[in-house]
Amino acid sequence: MSFDLGVHYGQAYLLDDTDDAMGFEDLPDDHPEHPVGILRVDEGGAFLITGLHTGKVGFTVTVTDHDPGPDTEGYEDIVEVSLESEAGRLSLHEWGGENVHELPALPAGPGWYRLRYHAKNMDEAAETDTSDEVIDRYLLQIWPQDESEPRVVKSTSKQLAHWRAPQ
């Protein structure tokens, strides 16, 4: 599924659809030994960082029952993390909870999933800061997989390097 995602402060949230999922008050800490920068996981969800500060970004989400493989030709940056879903359903929330994008049910129900976050044109979008035209694009792949260490699959942008550096 593809759509324009509204962002403010360069952020969006992937939340487990449980009654107690509240979102994020602060940016979660990155993994200390394996920082991925632009995708941070905390209990009940993931914090996604975009290059654009405010406006619309292009966003695609795929939920599959197997690893679809990274799109290394179509995107400049690719990172992965594990997330445990208690509900077996996730939804993507825009900043401030203004809009919620319901995602397909997770194929294995509750349990561990792998998130692979692809980014394109983050540097250009960060320089622009605010835009109603889509500059940066993202692909989020989700599939069942046992918990494993976060990893960077591909890193080319200054934005990813910035977010991976100690804050």
C-alpha atoms as a PDB file:
ATOM      1  CA  MET A   1       0.000   0.000   0.000  1.00  0.00           C
ATOM      2  CA  SER A   2       1.291   3.465  -0.917  1.00  0.00           C
ATOM      3  CA  PHE A   3       0.202   6.892   0.282  1.00  0.00           C
ATOM      4  CA  ASP A   4       1.413  10.375   1.126  1.00  0.00           C
ATOM      5  CA  LEU A   5       2.359  10.528   4.795  1.00  0.00           C
ATOM      6  CA  GLY A   6       2.111  13.841   6.633  1.00  0.00           C
ATOM      7  CA  VAL A   7       5.121  14.549   8.850  1.00  0.00           C
ATOM      8  CA  HIS A   8       5.997  17.185  11.409  1.00  0.00           C
ATOM      9  CA  TYR A   9       9.386  17.360  13.126  1.00  0.00           C
ATOM     10  CA  GLY A  10      10.518  14.673  10.650  1.00  0.00           C
ATOM     11  CA  GLN A  11       8.705  11.870  12.434  1.00  0.00           C
ATOM     12  CA  ALA A  12       6.045   9.175  12.183  1.00  0.00           C
ATOM     13  CA  TYR A  13       5.166   6.238  14.421  1.00  0.00           C
ATOM     14  CA  LEU A  14       4.476   2.563  13.842  1.00  0.00           C
ATOM     15  CA  LEU A  15       2.381   1.390  16.782  1.00  0.00           C
ATOM     16  CA  ASP A  16       1.183  -1.994  17.935  1.00  0.00           C
ATOM     17  CA  ASP A  17      -2.623  -1.977  18.031  1.00  0.00           C
ATOM     18  CA  THR A  18      -2.961  -2.713  21.740  1.00  0.00           C
ATOM     19  CA  ASP A  19      -5.118  -0.785  24.183  1.00  0.00           C
ATOM     20  CA  ASP A  20      -2.066   0.570  25.987  1.00  0.00           C
ATOM     21  CA  ALA A  21      -0.081   1.767  22.928  1.00  0.00           C
ATOM     22  CA  MET A  22       0.397   5.461  23.628  1.00  0.00           C
ATOM     23  CA  GLY A  23       3.042   6.498  21.119  1.00  0.00           C
ATOM     24  CA  PHE A  24       6.246   8.314  21.955  1.00  0.00           C
ATOM     25  CA  GLU A  25       6.931  11.352  24.089  1.00  0.00           C
ATOM     26  CA  ASP A  26      10.640  11.381  23.246  1.00  0.00           C
ATOM     27  CA  LEU A  27      12.938   9.879  20.646  1.00  0.00           C
ATOM     28  CA  PRO A  28      13.833   6.369  21.857  1.00  0.00           C
ATOM     29  CA  ASP A  29      17.506   5.561  22.287  1.00  0.00           C
ATOM     30  CA  ASP A  30      19.259   3.905  19.370  1.00  0.00           C
ATOM     31  CA  HIS A  31      20.786   0.475  19.887  1.00  0.00           C
ATOM     32  CA  PRO A  32      24.135   1.107  21.668  1.00  0.00           C
ATOM     33  CA  GLU A  33      26.217  -1.454  19.722  1.00  0.00           C
ATOM     34  CA  HIS A  34      24.303  -1.465  16.417  1.00  0.00           C
ATOM     35  CA  PRO A  35      22.885   2.026  15.786  1.00  0.00           C
ATOM     36  CA  VAL A  36      20.611   2.398  12.779  1.00  0.00           C
ATOM     37  CA  GLY A  37      19.655   6.039  13.432  1.00  0.00           C
ATOM     38  CA  ILE A  38      16.426   6.611  11.519  1.00  0.00           C
ATOM     39  CA  LEU A  39      14.379   3.707  12.936  1.00  0.00           C
ATOM     40  CA  ARG A  40      14.138   3.404  16.713  1.00  0.00           C
ATOM     41  CA  VAL A  41      12.191   0.697  18.517  1.00  0.00           C
ATOM     42  CA  ASP A  42      10.679   0.879  21.957  1.00  0.00           C
ATOM     43  CA  GLU A  43       8.102  -1.304  23.641  1.00  0.00           C
ATOM     44  CA  GLY A  44       4.972  -1.313  21.529  1.00  0.00           C
ATOM     45  CA  GLY A  45       6.237   0.485  18.464  1.00  0.00           C
ATOM     46  CA  ALA A  46       8.831   2.082  16.244  1.00  0.00           C
ATOM     47  CA  PHE A  47       9.803   5.736  15.736  1.00  0.00           C
ATOM     48  CA  LEU A  48      10.509   6.559  12.065  1.00  0.00           C
ATOM     49  CA  ILE A  49      12.608   9.583  11.119  1.00  0.00           C
ATOM     50  CA  THR A  50      12.257  11.373   7.772  1.00  0.00           C
ATOM     51  CA  GLY A  51      14.448  13.935   6.029  1.00  0.00           C
ATOM     52  CA  LEU A  52      11.602  16.409   5.559  1.00  0.00           C
ATOM     53  CA  HIS A  53      10.763  18.383   8.692  1.00  0.00           C
ATOM     54  CA  THR A  54       7.179  19.292   7.783  1.00  0.00           C
ATOM     55  CA  GLY A  55       4.987  18.305   4.861  1.00  0.00           C
ATOM     56  CA  LYS A  56       4.284  15.190   2.832  1.00  0.00           C
ATOM     57  CA  VAL A  57       6.583  12.251   2.130  1.00  0.00           C
ATOM     58  CA  GLY A  58       5.942   9.312  -0.162  1.00  0.00           C
ATOM     59  CA  PHE A  59       5.410   6.137   1.840  1.00  0.00           C
ATOM     60  CA  THR A  60       4.938   2.485   0.891  1.00  0.00           C
ATOM     61  CA  VAL A  61       4.351  -0.381   3.314  1.00  0.00           C
ATOM     62  CA  THR A  62       4.513  -4.074   2.476  1.00  0.00           C
ATOM     63  CA  VAL A  63       3.519  -6.788   4.942  1.00  0.00           C
ATOM     64  CA  THR A  64       4.517 -10.295   3.843  1.00  0.00           C
ATOM     65  CA  ASP A  65       4.997 -13.766   5.302  1.00  0.00           C
ATOM     66  CA  HIS A  66       8.685 -13.907   4.248  1.00  0.00           C
ATOM     67  CA  ASP A  67      11.706 -11.643   3.760  1.00  0.00           C
ATOM     68  CA  PRO A  68      11.016  -9.784   0.486  1.00  0.00           C
ATOM     69  CA  GLY A  69      14.666  -8.682   0.163  1.00  0.00           C
ATOM     70  CA  PRO A  70      15.941  -5.098   0.269  1.00  0.00           C
ATOM     71  CA  ASP A  71      15.529  -2.742  -2.690  1.00  0.00           C
ATOM     72  CA  THR A  72      19.190  -1.692  -2.854  1.00  0.00           C
ATOM     73  CA  GLU A  73      18.839  -0.156  -6.330  1.00  0.00           C
ATOM     74  CA  GLY A  74      15.810   2.036  -5.567  1.00  0.00           C
ATOM     75  CA  TYR A  75      16.849   3.497  -2.187  1.00  0.00           C
ATOM     76  CA  GLU A  76      19.912   5.263  -0.755  1.00  0.00           C
ATOM     77  CA  ASP A  77      19.605   4.112   2.865  1.00  0.00           C
ATOM     78  CA  ILE A  78      18.280   0.848   4.300  1.00  0.00           C
ATOM     79  CA  VAL A  79      18.154  -0.187   7.960  1.00  0.00           C
ATOM     80  CA  GLU A  80      16.562  -3.090   9.863  1.00  0.00           C
ATOM     81  CA  VAL A  81      15.337  -3.722  13.410  1.00  0.00           C
ATOM     82  CA  SER A  82      13.199  -6.295  15.227  1.00  0.00           C
ATOM     83  CA  LEU A  83       9.857  -5.439  16.789  1.00  0.00           C
ATOM     84  CA  GLU A  84       7.572  -7.565  18.931  1.00  0.00           C
ATOM     85  CA  SER A  85       3.861  -7.181  18.242  1.00  0.00           C
ATOM     86  CA  GLU A  86       1.545  -8.069  21.095  1.00  0.00           C
ATOM     87  CA  ALA A  87      -1.634  -7.509  19.077  1.00  0.00           C
ATOM     88  CA  GLY A  88      -0.642  -8.951  15.694  1.00  0.00           C
ATOM     89  CA  ARG A  89      -1.670  -5.654  14.064  1.00  0.00           C
ATOM     90  CA  LEU A  90       0.261  -2.448  13.478  1.00  0.00           C
ATOM     91  CA  SER A  91      -0.779   1.009  12.321  1.00  0.00           C
ATOM     92  CA  LEU A  92       1.223   3.974  11.062  1.00  0.00           C
ATOM     93  CA  HIS A  93       0.499   7.252  12.861  1.00  0.00           C
ATOM     94  CA  GLU A  94       1.282  10.741  11.670  1.00  0.00           C
ATOM     95  CA  TRP A  95       2.678  13.239  14.169  1.00  0.00           C
ATOM     96  CA  GLY A  96       0.131  14.383  16.717  1.00  0.00           C
ATOM     97  CA  GLY A  97      -2.152  11.435  15.957  1.00  0.00           C
ATOM     98  CA  GLU A  98      -3.953  13.455  13.273  1.00  0.00           C
ATOM     99  CA  ASN A  99      -4.079  10.607  10.753  1.00  0.00           C
ATOM    100  CA  VAL A 100      -3.737   6.864  11.257  1.00  0.00           C
ATOM    101  CA  HIS A 101      -2.966   4.469   8.408  1.00  0.00           C
ATOM    102  CA  GLU A 102      -4.260   0.976   9.194  1.00  0.00           C
ATOM    103  CA  LEU A 103      -1.950  -1.769   7.923  1.00  0.00           C
ATOM    104  CA  PRO A 104      -2.831  -5.327   6.919  1.00  0.00           C
ATOM    105  CA  ALA A 105      -2.929  -7.877   9.755  1.00  0.00           C
ATOM    106  CA  LEU A 106       0.478  -9.373  10.490  1.00  0.00           C
ATOM    107  CA  PRO A 107       0.709 -12.804   8.833  1.00  0.00           C
ATOM    108  CA  ALA A 108       1.898 -14.748  11.899  1.00  0.00           C
ATOM    109  CA  GLY A 109      -0.265 -12.930  14.443  1.00  0.00           C
ATOM    110  CA  PRO A 110       1.400 -11.747  17.671  1.00  0.00           C
ATOM    111  CA  GLY A 111       5.170 -12.256  17.877  1.00  0.00           C
ATOM    112  CA  TRP A 112       8.476 -11.024  16.493  1.00  0.00           C
ATOM    113  CA  TYR A 113       8.748  -9.197  13.175  1.00  0.00           C
ATOM    114  CA  ARG A 114      11.527  -7.631  11.173  1.00  0.00           C
ATOM    115  CA  LEU A 115      11.184  -4.037   9.985  1.00  0.00           C
ATOM    116  CA  ARG A 116      13.277  -2.914   7.023  1.00  0.00           C
ATOM    117  CA  TYR A 117      13.111   0.851   6.450  1.00  0.00           C
ATOM    118  CA  HIS A 118      14.294   2.231   3.100  1.00  0.00           C
ATOM    119  CA  ALA A 119      14.883   5.949   2.460  1.00  0.00           C
ATOM    120  CA  LYS A 120      15.470   8.008  -0.698  1.00  0.00           C
ATOM    121  CA  ASN A 121      16.284  11.745  -1.003  1.00  0.00           C
ATOM    122  CA  MET A 122      16.596  12.394   2.747  1.00  0.00           C
ATOM    123  CA  ASP A 123      19.384  14.944   2.232  1.00  0.00           C
ATOM    124  CA  GLU A 124      17.409  16.945  -0.354  1.00  0.00           C
ATOM    125  CA  ALA A 125      14.315  16.931   1.860  1.00  0.00           C
ATOM    126  CA  ALA A 126      16.298  18.043   4.931  1.00  0.00           C
ATOM    127  CA  GLU A 127      17.672  21.010   2.968  1.00  0.00           C
ATOM    128  CA  THR A 128      14.156  21.966   1.854  1.00  0.00           C
ATOM    129  CA  ASP A 129      12.753  21.633   5.414  1.00  0.00           C
ATOM    130  CA  THR A 130       9.064  22.191   4.524  1.00  0.00           C
ATOM    131  CA  SER A 131       7.195  21.081   1.405  1.00  0.00           C
ATOM    132  CA  ASP A 132       3.745  20.031   0.237  1.00  0.00           C
ATOM    133  CA  GLU A 133       5.402  18.304  -2.725  1.00  0.00           C
ATOM    134  CA  VAL A 134       6.907  14.867  -2.123  1.00  0.00           C
ATOM    135  CA  ILE A 135      10.718  15.015  -2.083  1.00  0.00           C
ATOM    136  CA  ASP A 136      11.741  12.030   0.036  1.00  0.00           C
ATOM    137  CA  ARG A 137      10.294   8.540  -0.275  1.00  0.00           C
ATOM    138  CA  TYR A 138      10.223   5.604   2.115  1.00  0.00           C
ATOM    139  CA  LEU A 139       9.514   1.885   1.948  1.00  0.00           C
ATOM    140  CA  LEU A 140       8.775  -0.103   5.103  1.00  0.00           C
ATOM    141  CA  GLN A 141       8.843  -3.880   4.765  1.00  0.00           C
ATOM    142  CA  ILE A 142       7.431  -6.042   7.589  1.00  0.00           C
ATOM    143  CA  TRP A 143       7.669  -9.844   7.885  1.00  0.00           C
ATOM    144  CA  PRO A 144       7.809 -12.489  10.641  1.00  0.00           C
ATOM    145  CA  GLN A 145      11.333 -13.178  11.903  1.00  0.00           C
ATOM    146  CA  ASP A 146      12.879 -14.092  15.233  1.00  0.00           C
ATOM    147  CA  GLU A 147      14.445 -11.227  17.167  1.00  0.00           C
ATOM    148  CA  SER A 148      17.900 -10.286  15.855  1.00  0.00           C
ATOM    149  CA  GLU A 149      20.353  -7.408  16.078  1.00  0.00           C
ATOM    150  CA  PRO A 150      19.616  -4.153  14.240  1.00  0.00           C
ATOM    151  CA  ARG A 151      21.673  -3.654  11.097  1.00  0.00           C
ATOM    152  CA  VAL A 152      22.442  -1.123   8.420  1.00  0.00           C
ATOM    153  CA  VAL A 153      22.023  -2.669   4.972  1.00  0.00           C
ATOM    154  CA  LYS A 154      22.981   0.446   2.985  1.00  0.00           C
ATOM    155  CA  SER A 155      24.122   3.908   4.060  1.00  0.00           C
ATOM    156  CA  THR A 156      24.810   6.806   1.682  1.00  0.00           C
ATOM    157  CA  SER A 157      23.058   9.942   3.009  1.00  0.00           C
ATOM    158  CA  LYS A 158      24.352  12.587   5.381  1.00  0.00           C
ATOM    159  CA  GLN A 159      21.041  12.348   7.253  1.00  0.00           C
ATOM    160  CA  LEU A 160      21.537   8.679   8.107  1.00  0.00           C
ATOM    161  CA  ALA A 161      25.116   9.380   9.206  1.00  0.00           C
ATOM    162  CA  HIS A 162      23.844  12.234  11.398  1.00  0.00           C
ATOM    163  CA  TRP A 163      21.171  10.113  13.098  1.00  0.00           C
ATOM    164  CA  ARG A 164      23.567   7.211  13.670  1.00  0.00           C
ATOM    165  CA  ALA A 165      26.105   9.460  15.408  1.00  0.00           C
ATOM    166  CA  PRO A 166      25.916   9.745  19.199  1.00  0.00           C
ATOM    167  CA  GLN A 167      23.387  12.486  20.024  1.00  0.00           C
END
